[in-house]
Amino acid sequence: MNSKKQFFLAILSLFTMAIYAQSYQVSGTVTDSDNQPLPGVSVTIEGTTRGTTTDFDGKYTIKVESSENLIFSYVGYNDKKLQM
């Protein structure tokens, strides 16, 4: 099994958004192929220095503009871009 691909597919397992004007509060949980939470995943906004990391339960929250993309990165895995 290709765990790297499964990791990034699992990113979308729990993904919610709340709209505030032209920006979004994006929250979610990053999990691996076994649906286990991944702590310490870097979640950054492409082309900026703004970002966050997932907590012990793999959860994150970040504010983004509608035209920005999220980049998920984790040691040993390929980065994954999520277009907003």
PDB file of N, CA and C in Angstrom:
ATOM      1  N   MET A   1       0.834  -1.184   0.000  1.00  0.00           N
ATOM      2  CA  MET A   1       0.000   0.000   0.000  1.00  0.00           C
ATOM      3  C   MET A   1       0.881   1.250   0.000  1.00  0.00           C
ATOM      4  N   ASN A   2       0.416   2.243  -0.677  1.00  0.00           N
ATOM      5  CA  ASN A   2       1.157   3.489  -0.702  1.00  0.00           C
ATOM      6  C   ASN A   2       0.611   4.398   0.397  1.00  0.00           C
ATOM      7  N   SER A   3       1.273   4.350   1.544  1.00  0.00           N
ATOM      8  CA  SER A   3       0.767   5.085   2.709  1.00  0.00           C
ATOM      9  C   SER A   3       0.808   6.596   2.501  1.00  0.00           C
ATOM     10  N   LYS A   4       1.717   7.078   1.655  1.00  0.00           N
ATOM     11  CA  LYS A   4       1.784   8.520   1.416  1.00  0.00           C
ATOM     12  C   LYS A   4       0.507   9.024   0.752  1.00  0.00           C
ATOM     13  N   LYS A   5       0.032   8.288  -0.242  1.00  0.00           N
ATOM     14  CA  LYS A   5      -1.201   8.703  -0.916  1.00  0.00           C
ATOM     15  C   LYS A   5      -2.392   8.593   0.025  1.00  0.00           C
ATOM     16  N   GLN A   6      -2.416   7.555   0.816  1.00  0.00           N
ATOM     17  CA  GLN A   6      -3.524   7.365   1.742  1.00  0.00           C
ATOM     18  C   GLN A   6      -3.532   8.447   2.817  1.00  0.00           C
ATOM     19  N   PHE A   7      -2.353   8.874   3.248  1.00  0.00           N
ATOM     20  CA  PHE A   7      -2.245   9.954   4.235  1.00  0.00           C
ATOM     21  C   PHE A   7      -2.937  11.205   3.737  1.00  0.00           C
ATOM     22  N   PHE A   8      -2.650  11.574   2.511  1.00  0.00           N
ATOM     23  CA  PHE A   8      -3.206  12.812   1.995  1.00  0.00           C
ATOM     24  C   PHE A   8      -4.690  12.688   1.653  1.00  0.00           C
ATOM     25  N   LEU A   9      -5.128  11.514   1.311  1.00  0.00           N
ATOM     26  CA  LEU A   9      -6.565  11.329   1.127  1.00  0.00           C
ATOM     27  C   LEU A   9      -7.285  11.433   2.469  1.00  0.00           C
ATOM     28  N   ALA A  10      -6.617  10.985   3.506  1.00  0.00           N
ATOM     29  CA  ALA A  10      -7.220  11.027   4.839  1.00  0.00           C
ATOM     30  C   ALA A  10      -7.333  12.451   5.371  1.00  0.00           C
ATOM     31  N   ILE A  11      -6.543  13.376   4.832  1.00  0.00           N
ATOM     32  CA  ILE A  11      -6.608  14.777   5.267  1.00  0.00           C
ATOM     33  C   ILE A  11      -8.035  15.307   5.140  1.00  0.00           C
ATOM     34  N   LEU A  12      -8.705  14.861   4.116  1.00  0.00           N
ATOM     35  CA  LEU A  12     -10.046  15.383   3.859  1.00  0.00           C
ATOM     36  C   LEU A  12     -11.128  14.672   4.657  1.00  0.00           C
ATOM     37  N   SER A  13     -10.736  13.716   5.528  1.00  0.00           N
ATOM     38  CA  SER A  13     -11.731  12.935   6.252  1.00  0.00           C
ATOM     39  C   SER A  13     -12.646  13.796   7.120  1.00  0.00           C
ATOM     40  N   LEU A  14     -12.088  14.753   7.812  1.00  0.00           N
ATOM     41  CA  LEU A  14     -12.896  15.673   8.626  1.00  0.00           C
ATOM     42  C   LEU A  14     -12.501  17.088   8.249  1.00  0.00           C
ATOM     43  N   PHE A  15     -13.331  17.737   7.453  1.00  0.00           N
ATOM     44  CA  PHE A  15     -12.972  19.053   6.941  1.00  0.00           C
ATOM     45  C   PHE A  15     -14.204  19.947   7.005  1.00  0.00           C
ATOM     46  N   THR A  16     -14.138  20.988   7.804  1.00  0.00           N
ATOM     47  CA  THR A  16     -15.277  21.895   7.920  1.00  0.00           C
ATOM     48  C   THR A  16     -14.825  23.332   7.718  1.00  0.00           C
ATOM     49  N   MET A  17     -15.737  24.150   7.239  1.00  0.00           N
ATOM     50  CA  MET A  17     -15.429  25.566   7.041  1.00  0.00           C
ATOM     51  C   MET A  17     -16.574  26.423   7.567  1.00  0.00           C
ATOM     52  N   ALA A  18     -16.210  27.567   8.097  1.00  0.00           N
ATOM     53  CA  ALA A  18     -17.196  28.585   8.479  1.00  0.00           C
ATOM     54  C   ALA A  18     -16.825  29.863   7.732  1.00  0.00           C
ATOM     55  N   ILE A  19     -17.798  30.502   7.133  1.00  0.00           N
ATOM     56  CA  ILE A  19     -17.521  31.677   6.306  1.00  0.00           C
ATOM     57  C   ILE A  19     -17.593  32.946   7.142  1.00  0.00           C
ATOM     58  N   TYR A  20     -16.565  33.788   7.037  1.00  0.00           N
ATOM     59  CA  TYR A  20     -16.524  35.109   7.666  1.00  0.00           C
ATOM     60  C   TYR A  20     -16.110  36.104   6.597  1.00  0.00           C
ATOM     61  N   ALA A  21     -17.079  36.842   6.037  1.00  0.00           N
ATOM     62  CA  ALA A  21     -16.836  37.813   4.974  1.00  0.00           C
ATOM     63  C   ALA A  21     -16.150  37.118   3.813  1.00  0.00           C
ATOM     64  N   GLN A  22     -14.929  37.564   3.440  1.00  0.00           N
ATOM     65  CA  GLN A  22     -14.223  36.955   2.325  1.00  0.00           C
ATOM     66  C   GLN A  22     -13.145  35.975   2.777  1.00  0.00           C
ATOM     67  N   SER A  23     -13.093  35.682   4.031  1.00  0.00           N
ATOM     68  CA  SER A  23     -12.113  34.720   4.522  1.00  0.00           C
ATOM     69  C   SER A  23     -12.847  33.545   5.164  1.00  0.00           C
ATOM     70  N   TYR A  24     -12.109  32.470   5.321  1.00  0.00           N
ATOM     71  CA  TYR A  24     -12.680  31.243   5.861  1.00  0.00           C
ATOM     72  C   TYR A  24     -11.902  30.806   7.090  1.00  0.00           C
ATOM     73  N   GLN A  25     -12.600  30.275   8.055  1.00  0.00           N
ATOM     74  CA  GLN A  25     -11.985  29.593   9.186  1.00  0.00           C
ATOM     75  C   GLN A  25     -12.041  28.117   8.805  1.00  0.00           C
ATOM     76  N   VAL A  26     -10.888  27.531   8.522  1.00  0.00           N
ATOM     77  CA  VAL A  26     -10.828  26.143   8.088  1.00  0.00           C
ATOM     78  C   VAL A  26     -10.350  25.297   9.256  1.00  0.00           C
ATOM     79  N   SER A  27     -11.092  24.240   9.546  1.00  0.00           N
ATOM     80  CA  SER A  27     -10.738  23.315  10.611  1.00  0.00           C
ATOM     81  C   SER A  27     -10.801  21.910  10.067  1.00  0.00           C
ATOM     82  N   GLY A  28      -9.999  21.042  10.628  1.00  0.00           N
ATOM     83  CA  GLY A  28     -10.032  19.659  10.186  1.00  0.00           C
ATOM     84  C   GLY A  28      -9.155  18.788  11.045  1.00  0.00           C
ATOM     85  N   THR A  29      -9.116  17.527  10.687  1.00  0.00           N
ATOM     86  CA  THR A  29      -8.282  16.555  11.366  1.00  0.00           C
ATOM     87  C   THR A  29      -7.472  15.816  10.316  1.00  0.00           C
ATOM     88  N   VAL A  30      -6.174  15.743  10.517  1.00  0.00           N
ATOM     89  CA  VAL A  30      -5.294  15.020   9.606  1.00  0.00           C
ATOM     90  C   VAL A  30      -5.095  13.625  10.175  1.00  0.00           C
ATOM     91  N   THR A  31      -5.383  12.605   9.352  1.00  0.00           N
ATOM     92  CA  THR A  31      -5.239  11.222   9.782  1.00  0.00           C
ATOM     93  C   THR A  31      -4.404  10.441   8.771  1.00  0.00           C
ATOM     94  N   ASP A  32      -3.900   9.292   9.209  1.00  0.00           N
ATOM     95  CA  ASP A  32      -3.154   8.423   8.306  1.00  0.00           C
ATOM     96  C   ASP A  32      -4.105   7.424   7.661  1.00  0.00           C
ATOM     97  N   SER A  33      -3.550   6.465   6.935  1.00  0.00           N
ATOM     98  CA  SER A  33      -4.368   5.492   6.212  1.00  0.00           C
ATOM     99  C   SER A  33      -5.161   4.582   7.144  1.00  0.00           C
ATOM    100  N   ASP A  34      -4.748   4.489   8.395  1.00  0.00           N
ATOM    101  CA  ASP A  34      -5.481   3.690   9.381  1.00  0.00           C
ATOM    102  C   ASP A  34      -6.454   4.536  10.192  1.00  0.00           C
ATOM    103  N   ASN A  35      -6.682   5.765   9.744  1.00  0.00           N
ATOM    104  CA  ASN A  35      -7.574   6.710  10.419  1.00  0.00           C
ATOM    105  C   ASN A  35      -7.066   7.130  11.797  1.00  0.00           C
ATOM    106  N   GLN A  36      -5.763   7.056  12.002  1.00  0.00           N
ATOM    107  CA  GLN A  36      -5.150   7.501  13.251  1.00  0.00           C
ATOM    108  C   GLN A  36      -4.723   8.954  13.092  1.00  0.00           C
ATOM    109  N   PRO A  37      -4.961   9.815  14.088  1.00  0.00           N
ATOM    110  CA  PRO A  37      -4.586  11.230  13.981  1.00  0.00           C
ATOM    111  C   PRO A  37      -3.074  11.399  13.885  1.00  0.00           C
ATOM    112  N   LEU A  38      -2.653  12.411  13.114  1.00  0.00           N
ATOM    113  CA  LEU A  38      -1.231  12.704  12.951  1.00  0.00           C
ATOM    114  C   LEU A  38      -0.896  14.041  13.615  1.00  0.00           C
ATOM    115  N   PRO A  39      -0.240  14.017  14.756  1.00  0.00           N
ATOM    116  CA  PRO A  39       0.176  15.264  15.409  1.00  0.00           C
ATOM    117  C   PRO A  39       1.421  15.831  14.728  1.00  0.00           C
ATOM    118  N   GLY A  40       1.538  17.148  14.731  1.00  0.00           N
ATOM    119  CA  GLY A  40       2.744  17.795  14.218  1.00  0.00           C
ATOM    120  C   GLY A  40       2.800  17.999  12.721  1.00  0.00           C
ATOM    121  N   VAL A  41       1.692  17.835  12.020  1.00  0.00           N
ATOM    122  CA  VAL A  41       1.657  18.115  10.587  1.00  0.00           C
ATOM    123  C   VAL A  41       1.645  19.631  10.404  1.00  0.00           C
ATOM    124  N   SER A  42       2.514  20.140   9.538  1.00  0.00           N
ATOM    125  CA  SER A  42       2.540  21.575   9.250  1.00  0.00           C
ATOM    126  C   SER A  42       1.452  21.910   8.240  1.00  0.00           C
ATOM    127  N   VAL A  43       0.648  22.924   8.572  1.00  0.00           N
ATOM    128  CA  VAL A  43      -0.402  23.412   7.690  1.00  0.00           C
ATOM    129  C   VAL A  43      -0.082  24.873   7.431  1.00  0.00           C
ATOM    130  N   THR A  44       0.362  25.182   6.208  1.00  0.00           N
ATOM    131  CA  THR A  44       0.745  26.555   5.877  1.00  0.00           C
ATOM    132  C   THR A  44      -0.057  27.058   4.687  1.00  0.00           C
ATOM    133  N   ILE A  45      -0.117  28.380   4.576  1.00  0.00           N
ATOM    134  CA  ILE A  45      -0.770  29.003   3.439  1.00  0.00           C
ATOM    135  C   ILE A  45       0.300  29.227   2.382  1.00  0.00           C
ATOM    136  N   GLU A  46       0.059  28.701   1.210  1.00  0.00           N
ATOM    137  CA  GLU A  46       1.035  28.740   0.121  1.00  0.00           C
ATOM    138  C   GLU A  46       1.516  30.166  -0.158  1.00  0.00           C
ATOM    139  N   GLY A  47       2.831  30.329  -0.241  1.00  0.00           N
ATOM    140  CA  GLY A  47       3.419  31.618  -0.561  1.00  0.00           C
ATOM    141  C   GLY A  47       3.500  32.588   0.603  1.00  0.00           C
ATOM    142  N   THR A  48       3.179  32.149   1.807  1.00  0.00           N
ATOM    143  CA  THR A  48       3.238  33.015   2.984  1.00  0.00           C
ATOM    144  C   THR A  48       4.007  32.304   4.090  1.00  0.00           C
ATOM    145  N   THR A  49       4.179  33.025   5.195  1.00  0.00           N
ATOM    146  CA  THR A  49       4.783  32.418   6.380  1.00  0.00           C
ATOM    147  C   THR A  49       3.714  32.086   7.422  1.00  0.00           C
ATOM    148  N   ARG A  50       2.454  32.300   7.074  1.00  0.00           N
ATOM    149  CA  ARG A  50       1.355  32.006   7.998  1.00  0.00           C
ATOM    150  C   ARG A  50       1.063  30.509   8.004  1.00  0.00           C
ATOM    151  N   GLY A  51       0.854  29.983   9.189  1.00  0.00           N
ATOM    152  CA  GLY A  51       0.534  28.573   9.279  1.00  0.00           C
ATOM    153  C   GLY A  51       0.296  28.125  10.701  1.00  0.00           C
ATOM    154  N   THR A  52       0.101  26.829  10.838  1.00  0.00           N
ATOM    155  CA  THR A  52      -0.144  26.212  12.130  1.00  0.00           C
ATOM    156  C   THR A  52       0.327  24.767  12.061  1.00  0.00           C
ATOM    157  N   THR A  53       0.209  24.057  13.163  1.00  0.00           N
ATOM    158  CA  THR A  53       0.500  22.622  13.176  1.00  0.00           C
ATOM    159  C   THR A  53      -0.677  21.901  13.827  1.00  0.00           C
ATOM    160  N   THR A  54      -0.791  20.634  13.502  1.00  0.00           N
ATOM    161  CA  THR A  54      -1.854  19.849  14.113  1.00  0.00           C
ATOM    162  C   THR A  54      -1.496  19.532  15.557  1.00  0.00           C
ATOM    163  N   ASP A  55      -2.514  19.445  16.398  1.00  0.00           N
ATOM    164  CA  ASP A  55      -2.297  19.128  17.810  1.00  0.00           C
ATOM    165  C   ASP A  55      -2.145  17.622  18.000  1.00  0.00           C
ATOM    166  N   PHE A  56      -2.125  17.181  19.236  1.00  0.00           N
ATOM    167  CA  PHE A  56      -1.927  15.766  19.558  1.00  0.00           C
ATOM    168  C   PHE A  56      -2.992  14.880  18.914  1.00  0.00           C
ATOM    169  N   ASP A  57      -4.192  15.429  18.699  1.00  0.00           N
ATOM    170  CA  ASP A  57      -5.291  14.677  18.093  1.00  0.00           C
ATOM    171  C   ASP A  57      -5.389  14.881  16.586  1.00  0.00           C
ATOM    172  N   GLY A  58      -4.365  15.519  15.975  1.00  0.00           N
ATOM    173  CA  GLY A  58      -4.353  15.736  14.538  1.00  0.00           C
ATOM    174  C   GLY A  58      -5.241  16.871  14.075  1.00  0.00           C
ATOM    175  N   LYS A  59      -5.747  17.692  14.990  1.00  0.00           N
ATOM    176  CA  LYS A  59      -6.678  18.771  14.645  1.00  0.00           C
ATOM    177  C   LYS A  59      -5.950  20.088  14.397  1.00  0.00           C
ATOM    178  N   TYR A  60      -6.513  20.877  13.486  1.00  0.00           N
ATOM    179  CA  TYR A  60      -5.958  22.191  13.173  1.00  0.00           C
ATOM    180  C   TYR A  60      -7.087  23.159  12.856  1.00  0.00           C
ATOM    181  N   THR A  61      -6.795  24.453  12.980  1.00  0.00           N
ATOM    182  CA  THR A  61      -7.692  25.538  12.581  1.00  0.00           C
ATOM    183  C   THR A  61      -6.822  26.646  12.025  1.00  0.00           C
ATOM    184  N   ILE A  62      -7.229  27.202  10.881  1.00  0.00           N
ATOM    185  CA  ILE A  62      -6.463  28.276  10.258  1.00  0.00           C
ATOM    186  C   ILE A  62      -7.423  29.170   9.475  1.00  0.00           C
ATOM    187  N   LYS A  63      -7.121  30.461   9.424  1.00  0.00           N
ATOM    188  CA  LYS A  63      -7.938  31.423   8.679  1.00  0.00           C
ATOM    189  C   LYS A  63      -7.283  31.666   7.325  1.00  0.00           C
ATOM    190  N   VAL A  64      -8.057  31.514   6.237  1.00  0.00           N
ATOM    191  CA  VAL A  64      -7.533  31.697   4.883  1.00  0.00           C
ATOM    192  C   VAL A  64      -8.476  32.571   4.068  1.00  0.00           C
ATOM    193  N   GLU A  65      -7.926  33.196   3.051  1.00  0.00           N
ATOM    194  CA  GLU A  65      -8.723  33.936   2.078  1.00  0.00           C
ATOM    195  C   GLU A  65      -9.188  32.946   1.007  1.00  0.00           C
ATOM    196  N   SER A  66     -10.221  33.317   0.276  1.00  0.00           N
ATOM    197  CA  SER A  66     -10.804  32.396  -0.706  1.00  0.00           C
ATOM    198  C   SER A  66      -9.837  32.004  -1.824  1.00  0.00           C
ATOM    199  N   SER A  67      -8.847  32.835  -2.122  1.00  0.00           N
ATOM    200  CA  SER A  67      -7.925  32.548  -3.213  1.00  0.00           C
ATOM    201  C   SER A  67      -6.639  31.843  -2.749  1.00  0.00           C
ATOM    202  N   GLU A  68      -6.524  31.552  -1.462  1.00  0.00           N
ATOM    203  CA  GLU A  68      -5.302  30.948  -0.934  1.00  0.00           C
ATOM    204  C   GLU A  68      -5.410  29.422  -0.899  1.00  0.00           C
ATOM    205  N   ASN A  69      -4.251  28.777  -0.941  1.00  0.00           N
ATOM    206  CA  ASN A  69      -4.177  27.327  -0.891  1.00  0.00           C
ATOM    207  C   ASN A  69      -3.464  26.893   0.379  1.00  0.00           C
ATOM    208  N   LEU A  70      -3.861  25.747   0.901  1.00  0.00           N
ATOM    209  CA  LEU A  70      -3.191  25.172   2.064  1.00  0.00           C
ATOM    210  C   LEU A  70      -2.193  24.123   1.613  1.00  0.00           C
ATOM    211  N   ILE A  71      -1.050  24.097   2.291  1.00  0.00           N
ATOM    212  CA  ILE A  71      -0.025  23.084   2.047  1.00  0.00           C
ATOM    213  C   ILE A  71       0.139  22.280   3.329  1.00  0.00           C
ATOM    214  N   PHE A  72      -0.031  20.960   3.217  1.00  0.00           N
ATOM    215  CA  PHE A  72       0.156  20.052   4.346  1.00  0.00           C
ATOM    216  C   PHE A  72       1.489  19.353   4.162  1.00  0.00           C
ATOM    217  N   SER A  73       2.343  19.394   5.184  1.00  0.00           N
ATOM    218  CA  SER A  73       3.629  18.710   5.078  1.00  0.00           C
ATOM    219  C   SER A  73       3.929  17.962   6.375  1.00  0.00           C
ATOM    220  N   TYR A  74       4.562  16.815   6.206  1.00  0.00           N
ATOM    221  CA  TYR A  74       4.863  15.927   7.326  1.00  0.00           C
ATOM    222  C   TYR A  74       6.123  15.156   6.962  1.00  0.00           C
ATOM    223  N   VAL A  75       6.994  14.975   7.909  1.00  0.00           N
ATOM    224  CA  VAL A  75       8.263  14.295   7.660  1.00  0.00           C
ATOM    225  C   VAL A  75       7.995  12.895   7.094  1.00  0.00           C
ATOM    226  N   GLY A  76       8.651  12.582   5.977  1.00  0.00           N
ATOM    227  CA  GLY A  76       8.515  11.262   5.369  1.00  0.00           C
ATOM    228  C   GLY A  76       7.393  11.154   4.351  1.00  0.00           C
ATOM    229  N   TYR A  77       6.630  12.225   4.150  1.00  0.00           N
ATOM    230  CA  TYR A  77       5.521  12.217   3.202  1.00  0.00           C
ATOM    231  C   TYR A  77       5.705  13.352   2.190  1.00  0.00           C
ATOM    232  N   ASN A  78       5.103  13.190   1.025  1.00  0.00           N
ATOM    233  CA  ASN A  78       5.087  14.272   0.047  1.00  0.00           C
ATOM    234  C   ASN A  78       4.112  15.348   0.523  1.00  0.00           C
ATOM    235  N   ASP A  79       4.402  16.602   0.187  1.00  0.00           N
ATOM    236  CA  ASP A  79       3.486  17.693   0.530  1.00  0.00           C
ATOM    237  C   ASP A  79       2.190  17.530  -0.264  1.00  0.00           C
ATOM    238  N   LYS A  80       1.110  18.022   0.306  1.00  0.00           N
ATOM    239  CA  LYS A  80      -0.199  17.995  -0.345  1.00  0.00           C
ATOM    240  C   LYS A  80      -0.769  19.393  -0.376  1.00  0.00           C
ATOM    241  N   LYS A  81      -1.212  19.842  -1.554  1.00  0.00           N
ATOM    242  CA  LYS A  81      -1.825  21.159  -1.693  1.00  0.00           C
ATOM    243  C   LYS A  81      -3.341  20.997  -1.735  1.00  0.00           C
ATOM    244  N   LEU A  82      -4.028  21.825  -0.968  1.00  0.00           N
ATOM    245  CA  LEU A  82      -5.490  21.837  -0.962  1.00  0.00           C
ATOM    246  C   LEU A  82      -5.934  23.220  -1.420  1.00  0.00           C
ATOM    247  N   GLN A  83      -6.592  23.284  -2.578  1.00  0.00           N
ATOM    248  CA  GLN A  83      -7.046  24.565  -3.120  1.00  0.00           C
ATOM    249  C   GLN A  83      -8.357  24.956  -2.469  1.00  0.00           C
ATOM    250  N   MET A  84      -8.446  26.222  -2.072  1.00  0.00           N
ATOM    251  CA  MET A  84      -9.648  26.718  -1.395  1.00  0.00           C
ATOM    252  C   MET A  84     -10.635  27.259  -2.391  1.00  0.00           C
TER     253      MET A  84
END
